[in-house]
């Protein structure tokens, strides 16, 4: 395989990883943009979403070894799986906000952030106790269809991942920019008290941010399972930290920035693993996190704003 073929193959791989990280990073950026809160439970909402999706696929009669669908068409199964996973993950996000964080809304200091760490460990241990510590083979409904581009291989499931990620990210961007609740979210992010005085239901806006962010994390968990063909209770930590790095790199609180940051981190992981060493990938990625926080804390597309009072 020539150098060009390697570059093309790793570009394909990097875009797939970047799509997953971008979906996960959007959850961080939505919540931070409104509450200035880093939601560490988001890591394991992603992980729980992958298990929810696996359960839905198994309800259709698929196991970790299946490669051919019977019954519903492939598109129908995937649409139902994405819908159930995203709604269920979104409901988990709403429950986290309503039960754990809303009572701490007016408490100053790191109490809310520390609470999200505790919630993250609760989700982590629930899945560990219920599903066990072994990695689970993921149901694979995708037919083996491959396209050869020069010396690179493009799988049908990768094309699906790209399409789904683009639709979800584009839909979120339009929702935030054009819809009534999206405008309310932007107003709340600018100044929550002013938005409240103008009639915006801030509690509803915050709940919607948690729902959308968690729903996208669930979609990312399903994409992880389809891409790697396994899931485990430990997948949230590494993927979550990389997605958080993507959000910071793009400018946490900035929706397009989270998308671009996710793609950049995905490309760095793919190219670093191919041309440097897989063991050094995390060193490179988290070195970028440190450098961005030190030299450009607003990220590539973010802007420094005064702290809300």
Protein backbone atom coordinates (compact mmCIF):
# COMPACT_ATOMS: atom_id res chain seq x y z
CA UNK A 1 0.00 0.00 0.00
CA UNK A 2 1.43 3.36 -1.05
CA UNK A 3 1.70 6.42 1.18
CA UNK A 4 -1.25 8.00 -0.64
CA UNK A 5 -3.38 4.90 -0.01
CA UNK A 6 -2.47 4.94 3.68
CA UNK A 7 -3.35 8.63 3.94
CA UNK A 8 -6.68 8.04 2.20
CA UNK A 9 -7.54 5.05 4.40
CA UNK A 10 -6.69 6.88 7.59
CA UNK A 11 -8.65 9.92 6.42
CA UNK A 12 -11.70 7.66 6.07
CA UNK A 13 -11.06 6.21 9.54
CA UNK A 14 -10.43 9.65 11.04
CA UNK A 15 -13.67 11.09 9.67
CA UNK A 16 -15.61 8.17 11.19
CA UNK A 17 -14.01 8.67 14.60
CA UNK A 18 -14.44 12.42 14.27
CA UNK A 19 -18.17 12.04 13.62
CA UNK A 20 -18.57 10.08 16.85
CA UNK A 21 -16.46 12.53 18.89
CA UNK A 22 -18.32 15.51 17.42
CA UNK A 23 -21.70 14.13 18.50
CA UNK A 24 -20.37 13.56 22.00
CA UNK A 25 -18.63 16.96 22.12
CA UNK A 26 -21.89 18.72 21.23
CA UNK A 27 -23.37 17.53 24.52
CA UNK A 28 -20.53 19.13 26.47
CA UNK A 29 -20.81 22.36 24.54
CA UNK A 30 -24.60 22.69 24.84
CA UNK A 31 -24.57 22.34 28.61
CA UNK A 32 -21.50 24.50 29.13
CA UNK A 33 -22.84 27.22 26.87
CA UNK A 34 -25.94 27.63 29.05
CA UNK A 35 -24.81 26.71 32.57
CA UNK A 36 -21.01 27.07 32.36
CA UNK A 37 -20.92 23.55 33.77
CA UNK A 38 -18.71 20.67 32.63
CA UNK A 39 -21.03 17.67 32.77
CA UNK A 40 -18.79 14.67 33.53
CA UNK A 41 -21.77 12.32 33.64
CA UNK A 42 -21.95 12.83 29.86
CA UNK A 43 -19.09 10.32 29.50
CA UNK A 44 -21.21 7.48 30.75
CA UNK A 45 -24.49 8.59 29.18
CA UNK A 46 -22.62 7.80 25.96
CA UNK A 47 -21.69 4.37 27.33
CA UNK A 48 -25.24 3.63 28.53
CA UNK A 49 -26.53 4.67 25.10
CA UNK A 50 -24.40 1.98 23.45
CA UNK A 51 -25.97 -0.66 25.73
CA UNK A 52 -29.50 0.64 25.11
CA UNK A 53 -28.88 0.41 21.35
CA UNK A 54 -27.49 -3.11 21.73
CA UNK A 55 -30.64 -4.13 23.62
CA UNK A 56 -32.90 -2.67 20.92
CA UNK A 57 -31.01 -4.52 18.18
CA UNK A 58 -31.31 -7.73 20.17
CA UNK A 59 -35.08 -7.22 20.42
CA UNK A 60 -35.11 -7.47 16.63
CA UNK A 61 -33.50 -10.90 16.98
CA UNK A 62 -29.94 -9.81 16.30
CA UNK A 63 -27.00 -11.10 18.31
CA UNK A 64 -23.31 -10.30 18.22
CA UNK A 65 -22.78 -12.75 15.38
CA UNK A 66 -25.60 -11.73 13.05
CA UNK A 67 -24.78 -10.02 9.79
CA UNK A 68 -28.03 -10.49 7.87
CA UNK A 69 -31.37 -8.96 8.73
CA UNK A 70 -34.67 -10.76 8.58
CA UNK A 71 -38.05 -9.11 9.05
CA UNK A 72 -37.93 -5.33 8.99
CA UNK A 73 -35.77 -3.70 6.31
CA UNK A 74 -32.34 -2.53 7.42
CA UNK A 75 -33.28 1.15 7.24
CA UNK A 76 -36.33 0.56 9.45
CA UNK A 77 -34.35 -1.29 12.10
CA UNK A 78 -31.66 1.38 12.22
CA UNK A 79 -34.18 4.24 12.35
CA UNK A 80 -36.05 2.60 15.23
CA UNK A 81 -32.78 1.84 17.04
CA UNK A 82 -31.50 5.40 16.68
CA UNK A 83 -34.86 6.85 17.76
CA UNK A 84 -35.22 4.66 20.86
CA UNK A 85 -31.57 5.12 21.85
CA UNK A 86 -31.65 8.89 21.49
CA UNK A 87 -34.96 9.33 23.32
CA UNK A 88 -33.85 7.01 26.15
CA UNK A 89 -30.46 8.70 26.48
CA UNK A 90 -32.13 12.10 26.38
CA UNK A 91 -34.47 11.01 29.18
CA UNK A 92 -31.43 10.00 31.26
CA UNK A 93 -29.96 13.46 30.69
CA UNK A 94 -33.20 15.13 31.76
CA UNK A 95 -33.33 12.96 34.90
CA UNK A 96 -29.74 13.91 35.75
CA UNK A 97 -30.53 17.61 35.39
CA UNK A 98 -33.85 17.47 37.23
CA UNK A 99 -32.84 15.25 40.16
CA UNK A 100 -29.16 16.03 40.67
CA UNK A 101 -28.33 19.44 39.26
CA UNK A 102 -31.41 21.65 39.49
CA UNK A 103 -31.32 21.67 43.33
CA UNK A 104 -27.73 22.95 43.05
CA UNK A 105 -28.46 25.59 40.40
CA UNK A 106 -27.85 28.52 42.75
CA UNK A 107 -25.07 26.91 44.78
CA UNK A 108 -21.73 28.56 44.06
CA UNK A 109 -18.51 26.64 43.66
CA UNK A 110 -17.74 23.22 42.22
CA UNK A 111 -20.63 21.34 43.90
CA UNK A 112 -22.56 20.81 40.65
CA UNK A 113 -19.51 19.61 38.73
CA UNK A 114 -18.56 17.20 41.52
CA UNK A 115 -22.14 15.91 41.49
CA UNK A 116 -21.86 15.06 37.80
CA UNK A 117 -18.76 12.97 38.61
CA UNK A 118 -20.78 11.07 41.22
CA UNK A 119 -23.64 10.51 38.75
CA UNK A 120 -21.13 9.28 36.18
CA UNK A 121 -19.87 6.62 38.61
CA UNK A 122 -23.44 5.61 39.43
CA UNK A 123 -24.15 4.94 35.73
CA UNK A 124 -20.78 3.21 35.37
CA UNK A 125 -21.44 0.82 38.24
CA UNK A 126 -25.07 0.13 37.32
CA UNK A 127 -23.98 -1.13 33.88
CA UNK A 128 -21.09 -3.07 35.44
CA UNK A 129 -23.42 -4.82 37.91
CA UNK A 130 -26.25 -5.47 35.43
CA UNK A 131 -24.29 -6.35 32.29
CA UNK A 132 -21.00 -7.63 33.67
CA UNK A 133 -17.38 -6.66 33.07
CA UNK A 134 -16.91 -8.58 29.82
CA UNK A 135 -16.91 -6.74 26.51
CA UNK A 136 -20.08 -7.48 24.56
CA UNK A 137 -20.13 -8.41 20.88
CA UNK A 138 -22.30 -5.87 19.12
CA UNK A 139 -25.15 -6.89 16.82
CA UNK A 140 -24.11 -6.07 13.27
CA UNK A 141 -27.08 -5.66 10.94
CA UNK A 142 -25.00 -4.14 8.18
CA UNK A 143 -24.39 -6.20 5.03
CA UNK A 144 -20.73 -6.54 4.04
CA UNK A 145 -20.54 -3.99 1.25
CA UNK A 146 -17.19 -2.41 0.49
CA UNK A 147 -16.13 0.22 -1.99
CA UNK A 148 -12.53 0.37 -3.19
CA UNK A 149 -11.19 3.89 -3.72
CA UNK A 150 -7.63 3.72 -5.04
CA UNK A 151 -5.98 1.46 -2.45
CA UNK A 152 -8.36 2.33 0.38
CA UNK A 153 -11.52 0.51 1.48
CA UNK A 154 -14.77 2.29 2.36
CA UNK A 155 -17.38 0.17 4.18
CA UNK A 156 -21.10 0.75 3.86
CA UNK A 157 -21.35 1.16 7.64
CA UNK A 158 -18.85 4.02 7.48
CA UNK A 159 -20.99 5.77 4.87
CA UNK A 160 -23.98 5.28 7.19
CA UNK A 161 -22.05 6.79 10.11
CA UNK A 162 -21.16 9.85 8.05
CA UNK A 163 -24.73 10.36 6.84
CA UNK A 164 -26.27 9.97 10.32
CA UNK A 165 -23.70 12.26 11.94
CA UNK A 166 -24.14 14.95 9.29
CA UNK A 167 -27.93 14.81 9.56
CA UNK A 168 -27.84 15.04 13.37
CA UNK A 169 -25.25 17.81 13.50
CA UNK A 170 -26.93 19.79 10.75
CA UNK A 171 -30.31 19.31 12.41
CA UNK A 172 -28.98 20.52 15.75
CA UNK A 173 -27.39 23.59 14.17
CA UNK A 174 -30.62 24.53 12.39
CA UNK A 175 -32.62 23.85 15.56
CA UNK A 176 -30.44 26.15 17.64
CA UNK A 177 -30.37 28.89 14.99
CA UNK A 178 -33.93 28.83 13.67
CA UNK A 179 -36.36 27.36 16.21
CA UNK A 180 -38.06 29.29 19.01
CA UNK A 181 -36.54 27.14 21.74
CA UNK A 182 -33.16 27.38 19.98
CA UNK A 183 -33.32 31.17 20.15
CA UNK A 184 -34.27 30.87 23.81
CA UNK A 185 -31.21 28.67 24.36
CA UNK A 186 -28.95 31.26 22.76
CA UNK A 187 -30.53 34.03 24.82
CA UNK A 188 -30.07 32.03 28.02
CA UNK A 189 -26.43 31.36 27.12
CA UNK A 190 -25.88 35.13 26.73
CA UNK A 191 -27.60 36.16 29.97
CA UNK A 192 -29.92 33.85 31.87
CA UNK A 193 -31.41 36.56 34.10
CA UNK A 194 -32.16 38.88 31.20
CA UNK A 195 -33.72 35.99 29.28
CA UNK A 196 -35.88 35.14 32.30
CA UNK A 197 -37.10 38.75 32.51
CA UNK A 198 -38.01 38.61 28.82
CA UNK A 199 -40.28 35.62 29.47
CA UNK A 200 -37.93 32.75 28.65
CA UNK A 201 -38.53 29.61 30.71
CA UNK A 202 -34.91 29.04 31.71
CA UNK A 203 -35.62 25.72 33.44
CA UNK A 204 -37.17 24.39 30.24
CA UNK A 205 -34.21 25.64 28.20
CA UNK A 206 -31.72 23.92 30.51
CA UNK A 207 -33.75 20.71 30.40
CA UNK A 208 -33.80 20.84 26.58
CA UNK A 209 -30.02 21.32 26.49
CA UNK A 210 -29.53 18.21 28.63
CA UNK A 211 -32.02 16.25 26.53
CA UNK A 212 -30.41 17.17 23.21
CA UNK A 213 -26.86 16.69 24.45
CA UNK A 214 -27.63 13.29 25.98
CA UNK A 215 -29.60 12.20 22.90
CA UNK A 216 -26.59 12.96 20.71
CA UNK A 217 -24.36 11.06 23.17
CA UNK A 218 -26.68 8.07 22.79
CA UNK A 219 -26.40 8.31 19.01
CA UNK A 220 -22.63 8.43 19.42
CA UNK A 221 -22.78 5.28 21.57
CA UNK A 222 -24.67 3.44 18.83
CA UNK A 223 -22.16 4.64 16.24
CA UNK A 224 -19.34 3.36 18.49
CA UNK A 225 -20.95 -0.09 18.62
CA UNK A 226 -21.55 -0.26 14.87
CA UNK A 227 -18.01 0.93 14.13
CA UNK A 228 -16.05 -1.24 16.59
CA UNK A 229 -18.52 -4.16 16.87
CA UNK A 230 -18.29 -4.26 20.66
CA UNK A 231 -19.25 -2.30 23.74
CA UNK A 232 -18.17 -2.32 27.37
CA UNK A 233 -18.79 -0.47 30.62
CA UNK A 234 -15.38 1.25 30.28
CA UNK A 235 -15.79 2.88 26.84
CA UNK A 236 -17.12 6.17 28.21
CA UNK A 237 -13.93 7.39 29.85
CA UNK A 238 -11.52 7.49 26.90
CA UNK A 239 -14.11 8.50 24.31
CA UNK A 240 -15.51 11.13 26.67
CA UNK A 241 -12.12 12.69 27.36
CA UNK A 242 -11.36 12.85 23.64
CA UNK A 243 -14.74 14.42 22.97
CA UNK A 244 -14.16 16.92 25.78
CA UNK A 245 -10.81 17.78 24.17
CA UNK A 246 -12.67 18.28 20.88
CA UNK A 247 -15.15 20.63 22.56
CA UNK A 248 -12.35 22.66 24.17
CA UNK A 249 -10.35 22.72 20.93
CA UNK A 250 -13.30 24.00 18.92
CA UNK A 251 -14.35 26.45 21.62
CA UNK A 252 -16.55 24.99 24.33
CA UNK A 253 -19.98 26.58 24.09
CA UNK A 254 -19.68 26.90 20.30
CA UNK A 255 -21.73 24.36 18.31
CA UNK A 256 -19.83 24.53 14.98
CA UNK A 257 -16.58 24.53 16.95
CA UNK A 258 -17.49 21.23 18.63
CA UNK A 259 -18.15 19.67 15.22
CA UNK A 260 -14.83 20.84 13.79
CA UNK A 261 -12.97 19.89 16.97
CA UNK A 262 -14.40 16.37 16.83
CA UNK A 263 -13.20 15.89 13.26
CA UNK A 264 -9.73 17.23 14.11
CA UNK A 265 -9.36 14.88 17.10
CA UNK A 266 -10.60 11.94 15.03
CA UNK A 267 -8.05 12.70 12.31
CA UNK A 268 -5.24 13.07 14.86
CA UNK A 269 -6.13 9.70 16.39
CA UNK A 270 -6.22 7.95 13.02
CA UNK A 271 -3.07 9.54 11.60
CA UNK A 272 -1.13 9.30 14.86
CA UNK A 273 -1.94 5.61 15.23
CA UNK A 274 -0.80 4.93 11.66
CA UNK A 275 2.30 7.08 11.31
CA UNK A 276 3.60 7.47 14.87
CA UNK A 277 2.37 4.79 17.29
CA UNK A 278 -0.99 3.94 18.80
CA UNK A 279 0.53 4.21 22.28
CA UNK A 280 1.39 7.87 21.60
CA UNK A 281 -2.07 8.87 20.35
CA UNK A 282 -3.42 9.82 23.77
CA UNK A 283 -0.23 11.72 24.57
CA UNK A 284 -0.71 13.83 21.43
CA UNK A 285 -4.44 14.41 21.99
CA UNK A 286 -4.19 15.41 25.64
CA UNK A 287 -1.10 17.52 25.00
CA UNK A 288 -3.31 19.46 22.59
CA UNK A 289 -5.87 19.86 25.40
CA UNK A 290 -3.22 21.31 27.73
CA UNK A 291 -1.80 23.62 25.07
CA UNK A 292 -5.22 24.95 24.08
CA UNK A 293 -6.16 25.60 27.72
CA UNK A 294 -2.88 27.42 28.32
CA UNK A 295 -2.48 29.45 25.12
CA UNK A 296 -5.97 29.74 23.62
CA UNK A 297 -8.56 28.89 26.26
CA UNK A 298 -11.40 30.19 24.07
CA UNK A 299 -10.59 27.51 21.47
CA UNK A 300 -10.48 27.85 17.70
CA UNK A 301 -13.98 29.29 17.30
CA UNK A 302 -14.95 30.35 20.81
CA UNK A 303 -14.63 33.75 22.34
CA UNK A 304 -13.80 34.81 25.86
CA UNK A 305 -16.86 36.11 27.68
CA UNK A 306 -17.29 37.58 31.13
CA UNK A 307 -18.31 35.11 33.80
CA UNK A 308 -22.06 35.13 34.43
CA UNK A 309 -23.14 36.43 37.80
